[in-house]
Amino acid sequence: MVNYSINKGIGSVVEFKGLRGQYLIYFALGLILNIVLIIVGYLSGGSIYVCLFIGFVLTFGLSYFVFLFNKKYGQYGLVKLRARATFPKYILNRKPISEYLNLIKTESYEK
């Protein structure tokens, strides 16, 4: 009888060779795009050696930056960094304080 191990990672993030979550998707999509670029370059008449050299350089750059971002920002850090860019630096409030005090007084008398 064959013994199968049970997956204890239910509900946890997908991880492969240290890449977690979104970075794994970025890496996979980058490799697919890299292969497509090599094929297009070769079919358009480029030398196979030039295409392979460009492919190796792009693959090295992709893996370097994806692992760098994975280490630097963590699992959700890059999404948080992108979201932080949309936050305002400060909130402007041009209403005088007296209007807030009047609002508090009128609300307390309405009850």
N, C-alpha and C. Protein backbone atom coordinates (compact mmCIF):
# COMPACT_ATOMS: atom_id res chain seq x y z
N MET A 1 0.85 -1.18 0.00
CA MET A 1 0.00 0.00 0.00
C MET A 1 0.90 1.24 0.00
N VAL A 2 0.51 2.23 -0.79
CA VAL A 2 1.30 3.44 -0.94
C VAL A 2 0.85 4.47 0.08
N ASN A 3 1.81 5.07 0.77
CA ASN A 3 1.51 6.13 1.73
C ASN A 3 1.68 7.48 1.05
N TYR A 4 0.65 8.30 1.13
CA TYR A 4 0.72 9.65 0.56
C TYR A 4 0.80 10.65 1.70
N SER A 5 1.63 11.67 1.50
CA SER A 5 1.72 12.71 2.52
C SER A 5 0.57 13.69 2.36
N ILE A 6 0.14 14.24 3.47
CA ILE A 6 -0.97 15.18 3.47
C ILE A 6 -0.42 16.59 3.36
N ASN A 7 -1.05 17.40 2.53
CA ASN A 7 -0.63 18.79 2.36
C ASN A 7 -1.08 19.58 3.58
N LYS A 8 -0.14 20.05 4.37
CA LYS A 8 -0.46 20.81 5.57
C LYS A 8 -0.50 22.31 5.30
N GLY A 9 -0.31 22.71 4.05
CA GLY A 9 -0.24 24.13 3.72
C GLY A 9 -1.55 24.71 3.27
N ILE A 10 -2.65 24.19 3.75
CA ILE A 10 -3.96 24.68 3.34
C ILE A 10 -4.16 26.08 3.91
N GLY A 11 -4.51 27.01 3.05
CA GLY A 11 -4.74 28.38 3.48
C GLY A 11 -3.49 29.23 3.52
N SER A 12 -2.33 28.64 3.27
CA SER A 12 -1.10 29.43 3.28
C SER A 12 -0.77 29.88 1.86
N VAL A 13 0.19 30.76 1.77
CA VAL A 13 0.57 31.35 0.49
C VAL A 13 1.42 30.36 -0.29
N VAL A 14 1.25 30.37 -1.61
CA VAL A 14 2.06 29.52 -2.47
C VAL A 14 3.49 30.01 -2.44
N GLU A 15 4.43 29.08 -2.29
CA GLU A 15 5.85 29.44 -2.24
C GLU A 15 6.64 28.46 -3.09
N PHE A 16 7.58 29.01 -3.87
CA PHE A 16 8.45 28.18 -4.69
C PHE A 16 9.84 28.80 -4.69
N LYS A 17 10.80 28.08 -4.16
CA LYS A 17 12.19 28.51 -4.11
C LYS A 17 12.36 29.88 -3.46
N GLY A 18 11.54 30.19 -2.48
CA GLY A 18 11.65 31.45 -1.76
C GLY A 18 10.74 32.54 -2.29
N LEU A 19 10.22 32.39 -3.49
CA LEU A 19 9.30 33.39 -4.03
C LEU A 19 7.91 33.13 -3.48
N ARG A 20 7.27 34.17 -2.99
CA ARG A 20 5.96 34.00 -2.38
C ARG A 20 4.95 34.90 -3.07
N GLY A 21 3.77 34.37 -3.27
CA GLY A 21 2.62 35.13 -3.72
C GLY A 21 2.80 35.79 -5.07
N GLN A 22 2.68 37.11 -5.07
CA GLN A 22 2.67 37.88 -6.31
C GLN A 22 3.99 37.80 -7.05
N TYR A 23 5.10 37.63 -6.33
CA TYR A 23 6.40 37.59 -6.99
C TYR A 23 6.57 36.31 -7.82
N LEU A 24 5.95 35.26 -7.39
CA LEU A 24 5.97 34.02 -8.17
C LEU A 24 5.25 34.22 -9.50
N ILE A 25 4.16 34.94 -9.47
CA ILE A 25 3.42 35.23 -10.70
C ILE A 25 4.23 36.16 -11.59
N TYR A 26 4.84 37.19 -11.01
CA TYR A 26 5.68 38.09 -11.81
C TYR A 26 6.82 37.33 -12.47
N PHE A 27 7.44 36.42 -11.74
CA PHE A 27 8.57 35.67 -12.28
C PHE A 27 8.11 34.76 -13.42
N ALA A 28 6.99 34.08 -13.23
CA ALA A 28 6.49 33.17 -14.27
C ALA A 28 6.09 33.95 -15.53
N LEU A 29 5.40 35.06 -15.36
CA LEU A 29 5.00 35.87 -16.51
C LEU A 29 6.22 36.47 -17.22
N GLY A 30 7.22 36.85 -16.44
CA GLY A 30 8.45 37.38 -17.04
C GLY A 30 9.18 36.34 -17.85
N LEU A 31 9.23 35.10 -17.36
CA LEU A 31 9.89 34.03 -18.11
C LEU A 31 9.13 33.71 -19.40
N ILE A 32 7.81 33.70 -19.32
CA ILE A 32 7.02 33.45 -20.53
C ILE A 32 7.24 34.56 -21.56
N LEU A 33 7.23 35.80 -21.11
CA LEU A 33 7.48 36.92 -22.01
C LEU A 33 8.89 36.86 -22.59
N ASN A 34 9.85 36.44 -21.79
CA ASN A 34 11.23 36.29 -22.25
C ASN A 34 11.33 35.24 -23.35
N ILE A 35 10.68 34.12 -23.17
CA ILE A 35 10.71 33.06 -24.20
C ILE A 35 10.05 33.55 -25.49
N VAL A 36 8.94 34.28 -25.35
CA VAL A 36 8.27 34.82 -26.53
C VAL A 36 9.18 35.81 -27.26
N LEU A 37 9.89 36.65 -26.52
CA LEU A 37 10.80 37.61 -27.15
C LEU A 37 11.95 36.91 -27.87
N ILE A 38 12.47 35.84 -27.30
CA ILE A 38 13.54 35.08 -27.96
C ILE A 38 13.02 34.47 -29.25
N ILE A 39 11.83 33.90 -29.22
CA ILE A 39 11.26 33.27 -30.41
C ILE A 39 11.00 34.31 -31.50
N VAL A 40 10.43 35.45 -31.12
CA VAL A 40 10.16 36.51 -32.09
C VAL A 40 11.46 37.05 -32.68
N GLY A 41 12.46 37.21 -31.85
CA GLY A 41 13.75 37.69 -32.35
C GLY A 41 14.39 36.73 -33.32
N TYR A 42 14.29 35.45 -33.02
CA TYR A 42 14.89 34.45 -33.91
C TYR A 42 14.11 34.32 -35.21
N LEU A 43 12.78 34.36 -35.13
CA LEU A 43 11.96 34.23 -36.33
C LEU A 43 12.04 35.47 -37.22
N SER A 44 12.41 36.60 -36.64
CA SER A 44 12.53 37.82 -37.45
C SER A 44 13.89 37.91 -38.13
N GLY A 45 14.72 36.89 -37.97
CA GLY A 45 15.99 36.85 -38.70
C GLY A 45 17.21 37.12 -37.86
N GLY A 46 17.06 37.21 -36.56
CA GLY A 46 18.21 37.46 -35.70
C GLY A 46 19.06 36.21 -35.52
N SER A 47 20.30 36.42 -35.18
CA SER A 47 21.20 35.31 -34.93
C SER A 47 20.76 34.57 -33.66
N ILE A 48 20.92 33.27 -33.68
CA ILE A 48 20.51 32.48 -32.51
C ILE A 48 21.37 32.82 -31.30
N TYR A 49 22.64 33.14 -31.53
CA TYR A 49 23.53 33.48 -30.42
C TYR A 49 23.17 34.82 -29.80
N VAL A 50 22.80 35.77 -30.64
CA VAL A 50 22.38 37.07 -30.12
C VAL A 50 21.07 36.93 -29.35
N CYS A 51 20.14 36.16 -29.89
CA CYS A 51 18.85 35.95 -29.21
C CYS A 51 19.04 35.25 -27.88
N LEU A 52 19.90 34.24 -27.85
CA LEU A 52 20.14 33.53 -26.59
C LEU A 52 20.87 34.41 -25.58
N PHE A 53 21.80 35.22 -26.05
CA PHE A 53 22.51 36.13 -25.14
C PHE A 53 21.53 37.13 -24.52
N ILE A 54 20.68 37.72 -25.36
CA ILE A 54 19.67 38.65 -24.85
C ILE A 54 18.72 37.94 -23.89
N GLY A 55 18.36 36.70 -24.21
CA GLY A 55 17.49 35.92 -23.33
C GLY A 55 18.12 35.64 -21.98
N PHE A 56 19.42 35.29 -21.98
CA PHE A 56 20.11 35.05 -20.71
C PHE A 56 20.22 36.33 -19.88
N VAL A 57 20.51 37.43 -20.54
CA VAL A 57 20.62 38.71 -19.81
C VAL A 57 19.26 39.10 -19.22
N LEU A 58 18.20 38.97 -20.01
CA LEU A 58 16.87 39.31 -19.51
C LEU A 58 16.43 38.38 -18.38
N THR A 59 16.76 37.10 -18.50
CA THR A 59 16.41 36.14 -17.44
C THR A 59 17.16 36.45 -16.16
N PHE A 60 18.45 36.77 -16.28
CA PHE A 60 19.23 37.12 -15.09
C PHE A 60 18.68 38.38 -14.44
N GLY A 61 18.38 39.40 -15.26
CA GLY A 61 17.83 40.64 -14.71
C GLY A 61 16.47 40.43 -14.05
N LEU A 62 15.65 39.63 -14.69
CA LEU A 62 14.33 39.34 -14.13
C LEU A 62 14.45 38.63 -12.79
N SER A 63 15.26 37.59 -12.75
CA SER A 63 15.40 36.84 -11.50
C SER A 63 16.03 37.69 -10.41
N TYR A 64 17.00 38.52 -10.77
CA TYR A 64 17.66 39.38 -9.77
C TYR A 64 16.65 40.35 -9.16
N PHE A 65 15.90 41.05 -10.00
CA PHE A 65 14.99 42.06 -9.48
C PHE A 65 13.78 41.46 -8.78
N VAL A 66 13.28 40.33 -9.25
CA VAL A 66 12.13 39.71 -8.58
C VAL A 66 12.54 39.21 -7.20
N PHE A 67 13.70 38.57 -7.08
CA PHE A 67 14.15 38.11 -5.77
C PHE A 67 14.52 39.29 -4.87
N LEU A 68 15.04 40.37 -5.45
CA LEU A 68 15.35 41.56 -4.67
C LEU A 68 14.09 42.17 -4.09
N PHE A 69 13.05 42.32 -4.92
CA PHE A 69 11.79 42.88 -4.44
C PHE A 69 11.12 41.95 -3.43
N ASN A 70 11.26 40.64 -3.63
CA ASN A 70 10.69 39.68 -2.69
C ASN A 70 11.35 39.83 -1.33
N LYS A 71 12.66 40.01 -1.32
CA LYS A 71 13.38 40.15 -0.06
C LYS A 71 13.13 41.52 0.58
N LYS A 72 13.08 42.56 -0.24
CA LYS A 72 12.96 43.91 0.29
C LYS A 72 11.56 44.23 0.79
N TYR A 73 10.54 43.88 0.02
CA TYR A 73 9.18 44.29 0.35
C TYR A 73 8.35 43.19 0.98
N GLY A 74 8.74 41.96 0.89
CA GLY A 74 7.97 40.88 1.49
C GLY A 74 6.76 40.50 0.66
N GLN A 75 5.89 39.76 1.28
CA GLN A 75 4.77 39.17 0.55
C GLN A 75 3.80 40.21 0.01
N TYR A 76 3.40 41.17 0.83
CA TYR A 76 2.41 42.16 0.42
C TYR A 76 3.01 43.56 0.29
N GLY A 77 4.30 43.70 0.48
CA GLY A 77 4.92 45.02 0.54
C GLY A 77 4.84 45.82 -0.73
N LEU A 78 4.96 45.16 -1.87
CA LEU A 78 4.92 45.88 -3.14
C LEU A 78 3.52 46.41 -3.40
N VAL A 79 2.51 45.68 -3.00
CA VAL A 79 1.13 46.14 -3.14
C VAL A 79 0.89 47.31 -2.19
N LYS A 80 1.43 47.22 -0.97
CA LYS A 80 1.29 48.31 -0.01
C LYS A 80 2.03 49.55 -0.49
N LEU A 81 3.18 49.36 -1.10
CA LEU A 81 3.95 50.48 -1.63
C LEU A 81 3.18 51.19 -2.74
N ARG A 82 2.55 50.42 -3.60
CA ARG A 82 1.74 50.98 -4.68
C ARG A 82 0.51 51.69 -4.10
N ALA A 83 -0.08 51.14 -3.06
CA ALA A 83 -1.26 51.76 -2.44
C ALA A 83 -0.87 53.03 -1.69
N ARG A 84 0.30 53.03 -1.08
CA ARG A 84 0.75 54.20 -0.34
C ARG A 84 0.95 55.40 -1.26
N ALA A 85 1.29 55.15 -2.51
CA ALA A 85 1.49 56.25 -3.46
C ALA A 85 0.18 56.96 -3.78
N THR A 86 -0.94 56.30 -3.57
CA THR A 86 -2.24 56.92 -3.86
C THR A 86 -2.79 57.70 -2.67
N PHE A 87 -2.22 57.52 -1.47
CA PHE A 87 -2.69 58.23 -0.30
C PHE A 87 -2.26 59.70 -0.38
N PRO A 88 -3.09 60.60 0.11
CA PRO A 88 -2.66 62.00 0.16
C PRO A 88 -1.60 62.18 1.25
N LYS A 89 -0.70 63.14 1.05
CA LYS A 89 0.34 63.38 2.05
C LYS A 89 -0.25 63.99 3.31
N TYR A 90 -1.25 64.85 3.14
CA TYR A 90 -1.94 65.42 4.28
C TYR A 90 -3.36 65.77 3.85
N ILE A 91 -4.22 65.95 4.82
CA ILE A 91 -5.62 66.26 4.55
C ILE A 91 -5.84 67.73 4.87
N LEU A 92 -6.38 68.45 3.91
CA LEU A 92 -6.67 69.86 4.11
C LEU A 92 -8.06 70.01 4.70
N ASN A 93 -8.15 70.88 5.68
CA ASN A 93 -9.44 71.18 6.29
C ASN A 93 -9.55 72.70 6.35
N ARG A 94 -10.40 73.25 5.52
CA ARG A 94 -10.51 74.70 5.43
C ARG A 94 -11.72 75.24 6.21
N LYS A 95 -12.38 74.39 6.94
CA LYS A 95 -13.55 74.82 7.70
C LYS A 95 -13.06 75.38 9.05
N PRO A 96 -13.57 76.52 9.46
CA PRO A 96 -13.15 77.07 10.75
C PRO A 96 -13.64 76.21 11.92
N ILE A 97 -12.94 76.30 13.02
CA ILE A 97 -13.28 75.50 14.20
C ILE A 97 -14.65 75.89 14.74
N SER A 98 -15.01 77.15 14.60
CA SER A 98 -16.30 77.61 15.13
C SER A 98 -17.47 76.88 14.48
N GLU A 99 -17.35 76.50 13.23
CA GLU A 99 -18.43 75.75 12.59
C GLU A 99 -18.57 74.36 13.20
N TYR A 100 -17.47 73.76 13.58
CA TYR A 100 -17.54 72.46 14.25
C TYR A 100 -18.17 72.59 15.63
N LEU A 101 -17.81 73.65 16.34
CA LEU A 101 -18.39 73.86 17.67
C LEU A 101 -19.89 74.13 17.57
N ASN A 102 -20.31 74.91 16.59
CA ASN A 102 -21.74 75.16 16.39
C ASN A 102 -22.47 73.87 16.02
N LEU A 103 -21.84 73.02 15.23
CA LEU A 103 -22.45 71.76 14.85
C LEU A 103 -22.64 70.86 16.07
N ILE A 104 -21.67 70.85 16.97
CA ILE A 104 -21.78 70.04 18.18
C ILE A 104 -22.91 70.56 19.07
N LYS A 105 -23.04 71.88 19.19
CA LYS A 105 -24.09 72.46 20.03
C LYS A 105 -25.47 72.16 19.46
N THR A 106 -25.65 72.28 18.16
CA THR A 106 -26.97 72.03 17.57
C THR A 106 -27.35 70.56 17.65
N GLU A 107 -26.39 69.68 17.54
CA GLU A 107 -26.70 68.25 17.64
C GLU A 107 -27.10 67.88 19.06
N SER A 108 -26.51 68.51 20.05
CA SER A 108 -26.84 68.16 21.43
C SER A 108 -28.23 68.66 21.82
N TYR A 109 -28.71 69.76 21.21
CA TYR A 109 -30.03 70.27 21.54
C TYR A 109 -31.15 69.58 20.78
N GLU A 110 -30.83 68.93 19.70
CA GLU A 110 -31.87 68.28 18.91
C GLU A 110 -32.44 67.06 19.61
N LYS A 111 -31.73 66.47 20.50
CA LYS A 111 -32.20 65.27 21.18
C LYS A 111 -33.19 65.69 22.20
